[in-house]
């Protein structure tokens, strides 16, 4: 059958990252993202995330622990365009992350733990807790 979105999307999406050195081997990281859909009703049209972390540069490893808070109202964007591991839209939660990068093997592993609550009750969504393990090849040349 046919499907349609409740609201069109017209708005803003912005992300920022700041890193500041603390010592030669340690830096602090701040990431933030904001999305606002001007076509959706206020109270249902905004998403935001703020994440803070530390990056420790060991001889051949980078260790990056972080914690983030996210909030994504139901009609900010079609859920397909949001992160499935965070629960798409209609979520308020926390993500805990540990990333390990190995420059010798150009490999990164990341473990995420996500605790996401629903903002508005829905028969299609429940509160969720998820764990995710990611592997990434760094500096791949094609």
C-alpha atoms as a PDB file:
ATOM      1  CA  UNK A   1       0.000   0.000   0.000  1.00  0.00           C
ATOM      2  CA  UNK A   2       0.731   3.654  -0.013  1.00  0.00           C
ATOM      3  CA  UNK A   3       2.387   5.368   2.925  1.00  0.00           C
ATOM      4  CA  UNK A   4       2.946   9.000   3.721  1.00  0.00           C
ATOM      5  CA  UNK A   5       4.614  11.067   6.409  1.00  0.00           C
ATOM      6  CA  UNK A   6       2.489  12.970   8.897  1.00  0.00           C
ATOM      7  CA  UNK A   7       4.658  16.079   8.339  1.00  0.00           C
ATOM      8  CA  UNK A   8       7.034  17.125   5.589  1.00  0.00           C
ATOM      9  CA  UNK A   9      10.561  17.986   6.672  1.00  0.00           C
ATOM     10  CA  UNK A  10      11.842  21.527   6.340  1.00  0.00           C
ATOM     11  CA  UNK A  11      14.227  22.760   8.950  1.00  0.00           C
ATOM     12  CA  UNK A  12      17.740  22.779  10.246  1.00  0.00           C
ATOM     13  CA  UNK A  13      20.300  20.143  11.073  1.00  0.00           C
ATOM     14  CA  UNK A  14      23.606  21.114  12.624  1.00  0.00           C
ATOM     15  CA  UNK A  15      26.475  19.345  14.367  1.00  0.00           C
ATOM     16  CA  UNK A  16      29.560  20.625  16.120  1.00  0.00           C
ATOM     17  CA  UNK A  17      32.678  19.023  17.582  1.00  0.00           C
ATOM     18  CA  UNK A  18      35.310  20.629  19.789  1.00  0.00           C
ATOM     19  CA  UNK A  19      38.479  19.024  21.064  1.00  0.00           C
ATOM     20  CA  UNK A  20      40.847  20.563  23.622  1.00  0.00           C
ATOM     21  CA  UNK A  21      44.197  19.217  24.731  1.00  0.00           C
ATOM     22  CA  UNK A  22      44.629  18.703  28.464  1.00  0.00           C
ATOM     23  CA  UNK A  23      48.081  17.111  28.355  1.00  0.00           C
ATOM     24  CA  UNK A  24      50.278  15.815  25.554  1.00  0.00           C
ATOM     25  CA  UNK A  25      48.415  12.473  25.573  1.00  0.00           C
ATOM     26  CA  UNK A  26      44.961  13.468  26.831  1.00  0.00           C
ATOM     27  CA  UNK A  27      42.254  15.622  25.276  1.00  0.00           C
ATOM     28  CA  UNK A  28      38.621  16.395  26.019  1.00  0.00           C
ATOM     29  CA  UNK A  29      35.972  16.071  23.296  1.00  0.00           C
ATOM     30  CA  UNK A  30      32.526  17.683  23.059  1.00  0.00           C
ATOM     31  CA  UNK A  31      30.024  16.773  20.307  1.00  0.00           C
ATOM     32  CA  UNK A  32      26.587  18.261  19.887  1.00  0.00           C
ATOM     33  CA  UNK A  33      23.841  17.883  17.268  1.00  0.00           C
ATOM     34  CA  UNK A  34      20.511  19.633  16.852  1.00  0.00           C
ATOM     35  CA  UNK A  35      17.706  18.971  14.353  1.00  0.00           C
ATOM     36  CA  UNK A  36      14.491  20.971  14.153  1.00  0.00           C
ATOM     37  CA  UNK A  37      11.596  20.335  11.750  1.00  0.00           C
ATOM     38  CA  UNK A  38       9.765  23.600  11.152  1.00  0.00           C
ATOM     39  CA  UNK A  39       6.865  21.761   9.437  1.00  0.00           C
ATOM     40  CA  UNK A  40       5.999  19.682  12.533  1.00  0.00           C
ATOM     41  CA  UNK A  41       4.166  20.818  15.666  1.00  0.00           C
ATOM     42  CA  UNK A  42       6.243  22.326  18.501  1.00  0.00           C
ATOM     43  CA  UNK A  43       6.842  19.647  21.121  1.00  0.00           C
ATOM     44  CA  UNK A  44       7.222  17.017  18.406  1.00  0.00           C
ATOM     45  CA  UNK A  45       9.764  18.659  16.109  1.00  0.00           C
ATOM     46  CA  UNK A  46      13.171  18.703  17.823  1.00  0.00           C
ATOM     47  CA  UNK A  47      16.089  16.346  18.396  1.00  0.00           C
ATOM     48  CA  UNK A  48      19.354  16.980  20.141  1.00  0.00           C
ATOM     49  CA  UNK A  49      22.377  15.132  21.426  1.00  0.00           C
ATOM     50  CA  UNK A  50      25.339  16.176  23.520  1.00  0.00           C
ATOM     51  CA  UNK A  51      28.281  13.874  24.103  1.00  0.00           C
ATOM     52  CA  UNK A  52      31.433  14.392  26.157  1.00  0.00           C
ATOM     53  CA  UNK A  53      34.504  12.199  26.182  1.00  0.00           C
ATOM     54  CA  UNK A  54      38.206  11.876  26.753  1.00  0.00           C
ATOM     55  CA  UNK A  55      40.789  10.718  24.254  1.00  0.00           C
ATOM     56  CA  UNK A  56      43.931   9.111  25.660  1.00  0.00           C
ATOM     57  CA  UNK A  57      46.756   8.557  23.169  1.00  0.00           C
ATOM     58  CA  UNK A  58      48.829   5.562  24.254  1.00  0.00           C
ATOM     59  CA  UNK A  59      51.773   4.437  22.128  1.00  0.00           C
ATOM     60  CA  UNK A  60      49.797   2.414  19.579  1.00  0.00           C
ATOM     61  CA  UNK A  61      46.249   2.758  20.944  1.00  0.00           C
ATOM     62  CA  UNK A  62      43.754   5.574  21.397  1.00  0.00           C
ATOM     63  CA  UNK A  63      41.237   4.985  24.195  1.00  0.00           C
ATOM     64  CA  UNK A  64      38.083   7.099  23.966  1.00  0.00           C
ATOM     65  CA  UNK A  65      35.422   6.724  26.684  1.00  0.00           C
ATOM     66  CA  UNK A  66      32.359   8.955  26.336  1.00  0.00           C
ATOM     67  CA  UNK A  67      28.842   9.543  27.591  1.00  0.00           C
ATOM     68  CA  UNK A  68      26.013  11.198  25.693  1.00  0.00           C
ATOM     69  CA  UNK A  69      22.450  12.368  26.291  1.00  0.00           C
ATOM     70  CA  UNK A  70      19.963  12.362  23.428  1.00  0.00           C
ATOM     71  CA  UNK A  71      16.386  13.474  22.920  1.00  0.00           C
ATOM     72  CA  UNK A  72      14.406  12.920  19.723  1.00  0.00           C
ATOM     73  CA  UNK A  73      10.778  13.987  19.531  1.00  0.00           C
ATOM     74  CA  UNK A  74       8.339  11.894  17.444  1.00  0.00           C
ATOM     75  CA  UNK A  75       8.016  14.035  14.287  1.00  0.00           C
ATOM     76  CA  UNK A  76      11.449  15.624  14.022  1.00  0.00           C
ATOM     77  CA  UNK A  77      12.262  13.536  10.921  1.00  0.00           C
ATOM     78  CA  UNK A  78      11.050  10.261   9.428  1.00  0.00           C
ATOM     79  CA  UNK A  79      12.418   7.614  11.820  1.00  0.00           C
ATOM     80  CA  UNK A  80      14.301   5.956   8.948  1.00  0.00           C
ATOM     81  CA  UNK A  81      16.766   8.864   8.979  1.00  0.00           C
ATOM     82  CA  UNK A  82      17.547   8.559  12.694  1.00  0.00           C
ATOM     83  CA  UNK A  83      19.839   6.118  14.437  1.00  0.00           C
ATOM     84  CA  UNK A  84      18.160   2.720  14.900  1.00  0.00           C
ATOM     85  CA  UNK A  85      20.458   1.786  17.791  1.00  0.00           C
ATOM     86  CA  UNK A  86      19.245   4.869  19.685  1.00  0.00           C
ATOM     87  CA  UNK A  87      15.655   3.802  18.973  1.00  0.00           C
ATOM     88  CA  UNK A  88      14.890   6.171  16.076  1.00  0.00           C
ATOM     89  CA  UNK A  89      12.461   8.928  17.175  1.00  0.00           C
ATOM     90  CA  UNK A  90      10.288   9.428  20.284  1.00  0.00           C
ATOM     91  CA  UNK A  91      13.267   8.691  22.579  1.00  0.00           C
ATOM     92  CA  UNK A  92      15.046  10.251  25.527  1.00  0.00           C
ATOM     93  CA  UNK A  93      18.150   8.450  26.695  1.00  0.00           C
ATOM     94  CA  UNK A  94      21.808   7.990  27.447  1.00  0.00           C
ATOM     95  CA  UNK A  95      24.614   6.333  25.495  1.00  0.00           C
ATOM     96  CA  UNK A  96      27.804   5.082  27.153  1.00  0.00           C
ATOM     97  CA  UNK A  97      30.652   4.337  24.771  1.00  0.00           C
ATOM     98  CA  UNK A  98      34.191   2.998  24.800  1.00  0.00           C
ATOM     99  CA  UNK A  99      36.224   3.182  21.595  1.00  0.00           C
ATOM    100  CA  UNK A 100      39.669   1.654  21.110  1.00  0.00           C
ATOM    101  CA  UNK A 101      41.674   2.599  18.012  1.00  0.00           C
ATOM    102  CA  UNK A 102      44.815   0.719  16.988  1.00  0.00           C
ATOM    103  CA  UNK A 103      46.897   2.729  14.535  1.00  0.00           C
ATOM    104  CA  UNK A 104      49.230  -0.203  13.730  1.00  0.00           C
ATOM    105  CA  UNK A 105      46.410  -2.373  12.399  1.00  0.00           C
ATOM    106  CA  UNK A 106      44.151   0.528  11.255  1.00  0.00           C
ATOM    107  CA  UNK A 107      41.346  -1.018  13.289  1.00  0.00           C
ATOM    108  CA  UNK A 108      38.851   0.460  15.757  1.00  0.00           C
ATOM    109  CA  UNK A 109      36.464  -1.348  18.096  1.00  0.00           C
ATOM    110  CA  UNK A 110      33.639   0.435  19.860  1.00  0.00           C
ATOM    111  CA  UNK A 111      31.265  -0.822  22.544  1.00  0.00           C
ATOM    112  CA  UNK A 112      28.045   1.143  23.123  1.00  0.00           C
ATOM    113  CA  UNK A 113      25.408   0.714  25.813  1.00  0.00           C
ATOM    114  CA  UNK A 114      22.159   2.610  25.205  1.00  0.00           C
ATOM    115  CA  UNK A 115      19.295   3.196  27.632  1.00  0.00           C
ATOM    116  CA  UNK A 116      16.397   4.864  25.767  1.00  0.00           C
ATOM    117  CA  UNK A 117      12.955   5.672  27.162  1.00  0.00           C
ATOM    118  CA  UNK A 118       9.915   6.541  25.050  1.00  0.00           C
ATOM    119  CA  UNK A 119       8.808  10.173  25.291  1.00  0.00           C
ATOM    120  CA  UNK A 120       5.157   9.627  24.309  1.00  0.00           C
ATOM    121  CA  UNK A 121       3.387   6.309  24.928  1.00  0.00           C
ATOM    122  CA  UNK A 122       3.005   4.215  21.792  1.00  0.00           C
ATOM    123  CA  UNK A 123       1.784   0.707  21.057  1.00  0.00           C
ATOM    124  CA  UNK A 124       4.662   0.449  18.572  1.00  0.00           C
ATOM    125  CA  UNK A 125       7.515   1.355  20.962  1.00  0.00           C
ATOM    126  CA  UNK A 126       8.758   0.330  24.388  1.00  0.00           C
ATOM    127  CA  UNK A 127      11.616   1.569  26.496  1.00  0.00           C
ATOM    128  CA  UNK A 128      14.772  -0.143  25.272  1.00  0.00           C
ATOM    129  CA  UNK A 129      18.211  -1.079  26.413  1.00  0.00           C
ATOM    130  CA  UNK A 130      20.665  -2.040  23.693  1.00  0.00           C
ATOM    131  CA  UNK A 131      24.294  -3.047  23.457  1.00  0.00           C
ATOM    132  CA  UNK A 132      26.257  -2.622  20.254  1.00  0.00           C
ATOM    133  CA  UNK A 133      29.735  -3.709  19.212  1.00  0.00           C
ATOM    134  CA  UNK A 134      31.200  -1.965  16.163  1.00  0.00           C
ATOM    135  CA  UNK A 135      34.360  -2.676  14.203  1.00  0.00           C
ATOM    136  CA  UNK A 136      35.820  -0.109  11.804  1.00  0.00           C
ATOM    137  CA  UNK A 137      38.787  -0.140   9.454  1.00  0.00           C
ATOM    138  CA  UNK A 138      40.652   3.167   9.712  1.00  0.00           C
ATOM    139  CA  UNK A 139      42.349   5.037   6.860  1.00  0.00           C
ATOM    140  CA  UNK A 140      41.094   2.712   4.135  1.00  0.00           C
ATOM    141  CA  UNK A 141      42.229   3.740   0.659  1.00  0.00           C
ATOM    142  CA  UNK A 142      40.117   2.789  -2.360  1.00  0.00           C
END
